[in-house]
Amino acid sequence: MGLRLSPEKTLITHINDGLDFLGWRIQRHRKRGTNKWYVYTYPARKALKAVTAKVKAICRQDVNLPLEVLMHRLNTALRGWCAYFRPGVSAVAFHYLSQYAWQRVMGWIRRKHRRITSKEIRRRYCAGGWWPTTEEGTLFNPAKLTPTRYRYRGTAIPALWPTTA
């Protein structure tokens, strides 16, 4: 059949060195303040780079569109990515993504209105704060999303075979 094993995909590595699998980085770290070691799963750098590239591509689109269209496109991309990586140790990645998205949207608004000041941009587009908001909705903030780590499923996992005594 001509099948061959890929050396990159069949690499045997130590858990302390970690591995990337389906966008996750799986690695053992020492817990801060203790001598105990735990296996952590968090978003891989490649996955974070991919979502920031998607945010950048969306924000580089036409500035003649209304802000609501831009925020709708960004919100769908950000919500999907955050929903996938929510079960891991993702708080740092979520904060970084939140800051990156905010900078990109504010840069898009600055390109749309080149002659107005930051104070005027804030008054028009940020409804009482610094986060972009319109009448239809607000930009999704990944930093406010709390990760759901280590969910105990216990008896919710069904048995594969019937138990007979």
C-alpha atoms as a PDB file:
ATOM      1  CA  MET A   1       0.000   0.000   0.000  1.00  0.00           C
ATOM      2  CA  GLY A   2       2.996   2.310   0.307  1.00  0.00           C
ATOM      3  CA  LEU A   3       2.262   3.517   3.848  1.00  0.00           C
ATOM      4  CA  ARG A   4       5.134   5.007   5.810  1.00  0.00           C
ATOM      5  CA  LEU A   5       5.387   6.287   9.362  1.00  0.00           C
ATOM      6  CA  SER A   6       6.115   9.976   9.749  1.00  0.00           C
ATOM      7  CA  PRO A   7       9.091  10.631  12.071  1.00  0.00           C
ATOM      8  CA  GLU A   8       7.492  13.864  13.332  1.00  0.00           C
ATOM      9  CA  LYS A   9       4.233  12.147  14.270  1.00  0.00           C
ATOM     10  CA  THR A  10       5.745   9.008  15.810  1.00  0.00           C
ATOM     11  CA  LEU A  11       8.320  10.771  17.969  1.00  0.00           C
ATOM     12  CA  ILE A  12       8.671   9.299  21.450  1.00  0.00           C
ATOM     13  CA  THR A  13       9.313  12.042  23.965  1.00  0.00           C
ATOM     14  CA  HIS A  14       9.458  12.455  27.730  1.00  0.00           C
ATOM     15  CA  ILE A  15       6.421  14.040  29.400  1.00  0.00           C
ATOM     16  CA  ASN A  16       8.657  16.745  30.907  1.00  0.00           C
ATOM     17  CA  ASP A  17       9.566  17.834  27.362  1.00  0.00           C
ATOM     18  CA  GLY A  18       5.904  17.847  26.419  1.00  0.00           C
ATOM     19  CA  LEU A  19       4.076  17.238  23.178  1.00  0.00           C
ATOM     20  CA  ASP A  20       1.560  18.997  20.943  1.00  0.00           C
ATOM     21  CA  PHE A  21      -1.628  17.108  20.130  1.00  0.00           C
ATOM     22  CA  LEU A  22      -4.754  18.510  18.407  1.00  0.00           C
ATOM     23  CA  GLY A  23      -3.815  22.077  19.300  1.00  0.00           C
ATOM     24  CA  TRP A  24      -3.051  21.259  22.936  1.00  0.00           C
ATOM     25  CA  ARG A  25       0.335  21.360  24.647  1.00  0.00           C
ATOM     26  CA  ILE A  26       0.591  18.500  27.143  1.00  0.00           C
ATOM     27  CA  GLN A  27       3.476  18.865  29.549  1.00  0.00           C
ATOM     28  CA  ARG A  28       4.413  18.101  33.131  1.00  0.00           C
ATOM     29  CA  HIS A  29       5.320  21.072  35.337  1.00  0.00           C
ATOM     30  CA  ARG A  30       6.068  21.544  38.981  1.00  0.00           C
ATOM     31  CA  LYS A  31       3.239  23.326  40.751  1.00  0.00           C
ATOM     32  CA  ARG A  32       4.287  26.720  42.027  1.00  0.00           C
ATOM     33  CA  GLY A  33       5.113  26.759  45.739  1.00  0.00           C
ATOM     34  CA  THR A  34       5.261  22.972  46.073  1.00  0.00           C
ATOM     35  CA  ASN A  35       7.441  20.068  45.052  1.00  0.00           C
ATOM     36  CA  LYS A  36       4.566  18.217  43.374  1.00  0.00           C
ATOM     37  CA  TRP A  37       4.507  17.638  39.634  1.00  0.00           C
ATOM     38  CA  TYR A  38       1.308  17.709  37.566  1.00  0.00           C
ATOM     39  CA  VAL A  39       0.473  17.179  33.905  1.00  0.00           C
ATOM     40  CA  TYR A  40      -1.010  20.341  32.409  1.00  0.00           C
ATOM     41  CA  THR A  41      -2.847  20.773  29.119  1.00  0.00           C
ATOM     42  CA  TYR A  42      -2.898  24.250  27.633  1.00  0.00           C
ATOM     43  CA  PRO A  43      -3.221  25.745  24.140  1.00  0.00           C
ATOM     44  CA  ALA A  44      -0.164  25.178  21.960  1.00  0.00           C
ATOM     45  CA  ARG A  45       1.682  28.173  20.565  1.00  0.00           C
ATOM     46  CA  LYS A  46       0.760  27.073  17.055  1.00  0.00           C
ATOM     47  CA  ALA A  47      -2.960  27.164  17.946  1.00  0.00           C
ATOM     48  CA  LEU A  48      -2.645  30.602  19.543  1.00  0.00           C
ATOM     49  CA  LYS A  49      -0.732  31.851  16.528  1.00  0.00           C
ATOM     50  CA  ALA A  50      -3.448  30.493  14.214  1.00  0.00           C
ATOM     51  CA  VAL A  51      -6.256  32.316  16.022  1.00  0.00           C
ATOM     52  CA  THR A  52      -4.300  35.570  16.179  1.00  0.00           C
ATOM     53  CA  ALA A  53      -3.671  35.266  12.431  1.00  0.00           C
ATOM     54  CA  LYS A  54      -7.416  34.794  11.918  1.00  0.00           C
ATOM     55  CA  VAL A  55      -8.184  37.886  14.045  1.00  0.00           C
ATOM     56  CA  LYS A  56      -5.591  39.847  12.084  1.00  0.00           C
ATOM     57  CA  ALA A  57      -7.058  38.730   8.758  1.00  0.00           C
ATOM     58  CA  ILE A  58     -10.585  39.679   9.821  1.00  0.00           C
ATOM     59  CA  CYS A  59      -9.443  43.104  11.020  1.00  0.00           C
ATOM     60  CA  ARG A  60      -7.534  43.773   7.801  1.00  0.00           C
ATOM     61  CA  GLN A  61     -10.734  43.603   5.792  1.00  0.00           C
ATOM     62  CA  ASP A  62     -12.539  46.607   4.397  1.00  0.00           C
ATOM     63  CA  VAL A  63     -12.937  49.538   6.799  1.00  0.00           C
ATOM     64  CA  ASN A  64     -16.058  50.643   4.947  1.00  0.00           C
ATOM     65  CA  LEU A  65     -18.009  47.909   6.722  1.00  0.00           C
ATOM     66  CA  PRO A  66     -19.867  48.826   9.908  1.00  0.00           C
ATOM     67  CA  LEU A  67     -18.296  47.920  13.239  1.00  0.00           C
ATOM     68  CA  GLU A  68     -21.158  45.480  13.955  1.00  0.00           C
ATOM     69  CA  VAL A  69     -20.147  43.292  10.986  1.00  0.00           C
ATOM     70  CA  LEU A  70     -16.510  43.222  12.116  1.00  0.00           C
ATOM     71  CA  MET A  71     -17.475  42.360  15.695  1.00  0.00           C
ATOM     72  CA  HIS A  72     -19.858  39.615  14.553  1.00  0.00           C
ATOM     73  CA  ARG A  73     -17.085  37.968  12.509  1.00  0.00           C
ATOM     74  CA  LEU A  74     -14.591  38.304  15.339  1.00  0.00           C
ATOM     75  CA  ASN A  75     -17.040  37.044  17.954  1.00  0.00           C
ATOM     76  CA  THR A  76     -17.745  33.826  16.059  1.00  0.00           C
ATOM     77  CA  ALA A  77     -14.026  33.101  15.657  1.00  0.00           C
ATOM     78  CA  LEU A  78     -13.143  33.983  19.258  1.00  0.00           C
ATOM     79  CA  ARG A  79     -16.065  32.122  20.843  1.00  0.00           C
ATOM     80  CA  GLY A  80     -15.337  28.953  18.898  1.00  0.00           C
ATOM     81  CA  TRP A  81     -11.644  28.971  19.758  1.00  0.00           C
ATOM     82  CA  CYS A  82     -12.295  29.697  23.425  1.00  0.00           C
ATOM     83  CA  ALA A  83     -14.971  26.986  23.657  1.00  0.00           C
ATOM     84  CA  TYR A  84     -12.482  24.426  22.342  1.00  0.00           C
ATOM     85  CA  PHE A  85      -9.694  25.418  24.745  1.00  0.00           C
ATOM     86  CA  ARG A  86     -11.858  26.124  27.793  1.00  0.00           C
ATOM     87  CA  PRO A  87     -11.290  22.748  29.533  1.00  0.00           C
ATOM     88  CA  GLY A  88      -7.524  23.308  29.826  1.00  0.00           C
ATOM     89  CA  VAL A  89      -5.196  25.678  31.623  1.00  0.00           C
ATOM     90  CA  SER A  90      -6.091  28.521  29.285  1.00  0.00           C
ATOM     91  CA  ALA A  91      -6.474  31.692  31.349  1.00  0.00           C
ATOM     92  CA  VAL A  92      -3.152  33.203  30.225  1.00  0.00           C
ATOM     93  CA  ALA A  93      -3.924  32.473  26.572  1.00  0.00           C
ATOM     94  CA  PHE A  94      -7.407  33.973  26.972  1.00  0.00           C
ATOM     95  CA  HIS A  95      -5.987  37.183  28.458  1.00  0.00           C
ATOM     96  CA  TYR A  96      -3.441  37.451  25.652  1.00  0.00           C
ATOM     97  CA  LEU A  97      -6.122  36.860  23.028  1.00  0.00           C
ATOM     98  CA  SER A  98      -8.364  39.457  24.646  1.00  0.00           C
ATOM     99  CA  GLN A  99      -5.635  42.092  24.557  1.00  0.00           C
ATOM    100  CA  TYR A 100      -4.705  41.187  20.971  1.00  0.00           C
ATOM    101  CA  ALA A 101      -8.308  41.398  19.737  1.00  0.00           C
ATOM    102  CA  TRP A 102      -8.812  44.751  21.497  1.00  0.00           C
ATOM    103  CA  GLN A 103      -5.674  46.204  19.888  1.00  0.00           C
ATOM    104  CA  ARG A 104      -6.717  44.975  16.445  1.00  0.00           C
ATOM    105  CA  VAL A 105     -10.260  46.356  16.705  1.00  0.00           C
ATOM    106  CA  MET A 106      -9.023  49.710  17.969  1.00  0.00           C
ATOM    107  CA  GLY A 107      -6.507  49.831  15.104  1.00  0.00           C
ATOM    108  CA  TRP A 108      -9.350  49.073  12.670  1.00  0.00           C
ATOM    109  CA  ILE A 109     -11.402  51.935  14.132  1.00  0.00           C
ATOM    110  CA  ARG A 110      -8.375  54.279  13.905  1.00  0.00           C
ATOM    111  CA  ARG A 111      -7.980  53.383  10.209  1.00  0.00           C
ATOM    112  CA  LYS A 112     -11.690  53.928   9.633  1.00  0.00           C
ATOM    113  CA  HIS A 113     -11.598  57.396  11.280  1.00  0.00           C
ATOM    114  CA  ARG A 114      -8.106  58.757  10.702  1.00  0.00           C
ATOM    115  CA  ARG A 115      -8.777  62.315  11.828  1.00  0.00           C
ATOM    116  CA  ILE A 116     -10.524  61.855  15.158  1.00  0.00           C
ATOM    117  CA  THR A 117      -8.876  61.586  18.550  1.00  0.00           C
ATOM    118  CA  SER A 118      -8.736  58.603  20.882  1.00  0.00           C
ATOM    119  CA  LYS A 119     -11.129  60.371  23.225  1.00  0.00           C
ATOM    120  CA  GLU A 120     -13.678  60.712  20.418  1.00  0.00           C
ATOM    121  CA  ILE A 121     -13.211  57.056  19.404  1.00  0.00           C
ATOM    122  CA  ARG A 122     -13.825  56.018  22.988  1.00  0.00           C
ATOM    123  CA  ARG A 123     -16.941  58.189  23.217  1.00  0.00           C
ATOM    124  CA  ARG A 124     -18.389  56.836  19.963  1.00  0.00           C
ATOM    125  CA  TYR A 125     -17.485  53.166  20.130  1.00  0.00           C
ATOM    126  CA  CYS A 126     -16.785  52.193  23.729  1.00  0.00           C
ATOM    127  CA  ALA A 127     -20.023  53.066  25.616  1.00  0.00           C
ATOM    128  CA  GLY A 128     -18.695  54.172  28.980  1.00  0.00           C
ATOM    129  CA  GLY A 129     -15.458  52.181  29.082  1.00  0.00           C
ATOM    130  CA  TRP A 130     -12.618  51.029  26.910  1.00  0.00           C
ATOM    131  CA  TRP A 131     -14.223  47.893  25.433  1.00  0.00           C
ATOM    132  CA  PRO A 132     -15.773  48.252  21.923  1.00  0.00           C
ATOM    133  CA  THR A 133     -19.577  48.176  22.165  1.00  0.00           C
ATOM    134  CA  THR A 134     -22.439  48.961  19.785  1.00  0.00           C
ATOM    135  CA  GLU A 135     -26.224  48.857  20.015  1.00  0.00           C
ATOM    136  CA  GLU A 136     -26.300  45.342  18.513  1.00  0.00           C
ATOM    137  CA  GLY A 137     -23.677  43.867  20.837  1.00  0.00           C
ATOM    138  CA  THR A 138     -20.204  43.990  22.234  1.00  0.00           C
ATOM    139  CA  LEU A 139     -16.873  42.475  21.294  1.00  0.00           C
ATOM    140  CA  PHE A 140     -16.432  39.065  22.941  1.00  0.00           C
ATOM    141  CA  ASN A 141     -13.919  39.273  25.766  1.00  0.00           C
ATOM    142  CA  PRO A 142     -12.038  35.968  26.181  1.00  0.00           C
ATOM    143  CA  ALA A 143     -10.433  37.198  29.425  1.00  0.00           C
ATOM    144  CA  LYS A 144     -13.803  37.099  31.189  1.00  0.00           C
ATOM    145  CA  LEU A 145     -14.263  33.428  30.295  1.00  0.00           C
ATOM    146  CA  THR A 146     -13.264  31.124  33.147  1.00  0.00           C
ATOM    147  CA  PRO A 147     -11.615  27.827  32.208  1.00  0.00           C
ATOM    148  CA  THR A 148     -13.367  24.665  33.411  1.00  0.00           C
ATOM    149  CA  ARG A 149     -10.423  22.564  34.460  1.00  0.00           C
ATOM    150  CA  TYR A 150     -10.394  19.016  35.704  1.00  0.00           C
ATOM    151  CA  ARG A 151     -14.099  18.307  35.481  1.00  0.00           C
ATOM    152  CA  TYR A 152     -14.892  15.208  37.513  1.00  0.00           C
ATOM    153  CA  ARG A 153     -17.176  12.910  35.548  1.00  0.00           C
ATOM    154  CA  GLY A 154     -17.113   9.917  37.893  1.00  0.00           C
ATOM    155  CA  THR A 155     -20.233   7.803  37.429  1.00  0.00           C
ATOM    156  CA  ALA A 156     -21.381   9.830  34.406  1.00  0.00           C
ATOM    157  CA  ILE A 157     -19.049   7.751  32.226  1.00  0.00           C
ATOM    158  CA  PRO A 158     -21.078   4.729  31.090  1.00  0.00           C
ATOM    159  CA  ALA A 159     -19.646   1.229  31.417  1.00  0.00           C
ATOM    160  CA  LEU A 160     -18.684  -0.450  28.167  1.00  0.00           C
ATOM    161  CA  TRP A 161     -20.031  -3.833  29.242  1.00  0.00           C
ATOM    162  CA  PRO A 162     -22.987  -4.853  31.387  1.00  0.00           C
ATOM    163  CA  THR A 163     -22.241  -5.900  34.921  1.00  0.00           C
ATOM    164  CA  THR A 164     -23.704  -9.248  35.829  1.00  0.00           C
ATOM    165  CA  ALA A 165     -23.273 -10.871  39.192  1.00  0.00           C
END
